[in-house]
C-alpha cells in the first residue's frame, strides 16, 4: 500500500522540506526542516502522514498568528 501524498507544511507552507522521521521508541512524525514544524506522532509512516494532512486541513492551526509565516503576518 502506498503512502498518501504529504500536504504542505501548515506553518511555513513549504512542500520540499518535509520528511517522516522515525525514533527508537517507534514514534514517527512529519517534520519540516525549514521551520522545525513537528506533526503529530504515530506508530507508522502512513499514520504520521495522515495525521499531518489532517492538521493541515484544520483551519484553527493555520490561522493562529504563531503558526503563520513572517511574510504574511
Protein backbone atom coordinates (compact mmCIF):
# COMPACT_ATOMS: atom_id res chain seq x y z
CA UNK A 1 0.00 0.00 0.00
CA UNK A 2 1.41 3.40 -0.92
CA UNK A 3 1.54 6.29 1.49
CA UNK A 4 -0.66 9.35 0.93
CA UNK A 5 0.93 12.46 -0.53
CA UNK A 6 2.02 14.91 2.17
CA UNK A 7 0.33 18.29 2.17
CA UNK A 8 2.35 21.48 2.56
CA UNK A 9 3.67 22.43 5.97
CA UNK A 10 0.86 24.19 7.89
CA UNK A 11 3.40 26.54 9.46
CA UNK A 12 5.56 27.76 6.53
CA UNK A 13 3.60 26.29 3.58
CA UNK A 14 6.73 24.64 2.12
CA UNK A 15 6.44 21.25 0.43
CA UNK A 16 10.08 20.43 -0.35
CA UNK A 17 11.49 20.26 3.18
CA UNK A 18 9.07 17.70 4.65
CA UNK A 19 10.16 14.25 5.76
CA UNK A 20 8.90 11.48 8.04
CA UNK A 21 11.25 10.74 10.92
CA UNK A 22 11.31 7.57 12.98
CA UNK A 23 12.55 7.30 16.54
CA UNK A 24 13.88 4.39 18.58
CA UNK A 25 10.66 4.28 20.61
CA UNK A 26 8.67 3.58 17.42
CA UNK A 27 7.12 7.03 17.09
CA UNK A 28 7.04 8.61 13.65
CA UNK A 29 6.06 12.12 12.64
CA UNK A 30 6.28 14.55 9.75
CA UNK A 31 8.92 17.21 10.27
CA UNK A 32 9.64 20.37 8.27
CA UNK A 33 13.35 21.11 8.05
CA UNK A 34 12.67 24.69 7.02
CA UNK A 35 10.66 25.87 10.04
CA UNK A 36 11.03 22.96 12.52
CA UNK A 37 7.33 22.07 12.47
CA UNK A 38 6.61 18.69 14.06
CA UNK A 39 3.49 16.81 13.11
CA UNK A 40 1.51 14.61 15.47
CA UNK A 41 3.20 11.29 16.34
CA UNK A 42 2.00 7.94 15.07
CA UNK A 43 3.18 4.34 15.16
CA UNK A 44 3.50 4.15 11.36
CA UNK A 45 4.73 6.27 8.47
CA UNK A 46 1.29 6.15 6.86
CA UNK A 47 -0.37 7.19 10.12
CA UNK A 48 2.06 10.08 10.61
CA UNK A 49 1.31 11.39 7.11
CA UNK A 50 -2.44 11.05 7.63
CA UNK A 51 -2.30 12.94 10.95
CA UNK A 52 -0.12 15.63 9.36
CA UNK A 53 -2.58 16.02 6.48
CA UNK A 54 -5.49 16.28 8.92
CA UNK A 55 -3.67 19.02 10.81
CA UNK A 56 -3.13 20.86 7.52
CA UNK A 57 -6.88 20.79 6.95
CA UNK A 58 -7.52 22.24 10.42
CA UNK A 59 -8.25 25.92 9.85
CA UNK A 60 -7.61 26.78 13.50
CA UNK A 61 -3.98 25.64 13.26
CA UNK A 62 -3.26 27.63 10.10
CA UNK A 63 -4.89 30.86 11.23
CA UNK A 64 -3.21 31.06 14.64
CA UNK A 65 -0.75 34.01 14.47
CA UNK A 66 2.15 31.97 15.84
CA UNK A 67 1.70 29.46 13.00
CA UNK A 68 1.77 31.93 10.13
CA UNK A 69 4.93 32.69 8.15
CA UNK A 70 6.58 36.02 8.95
CA UNK A 71 5.84 37.44 5.49
CA UNK A 72 2.04 37.21 5.86
CA UNK A 73 1.54 38.41 9.45
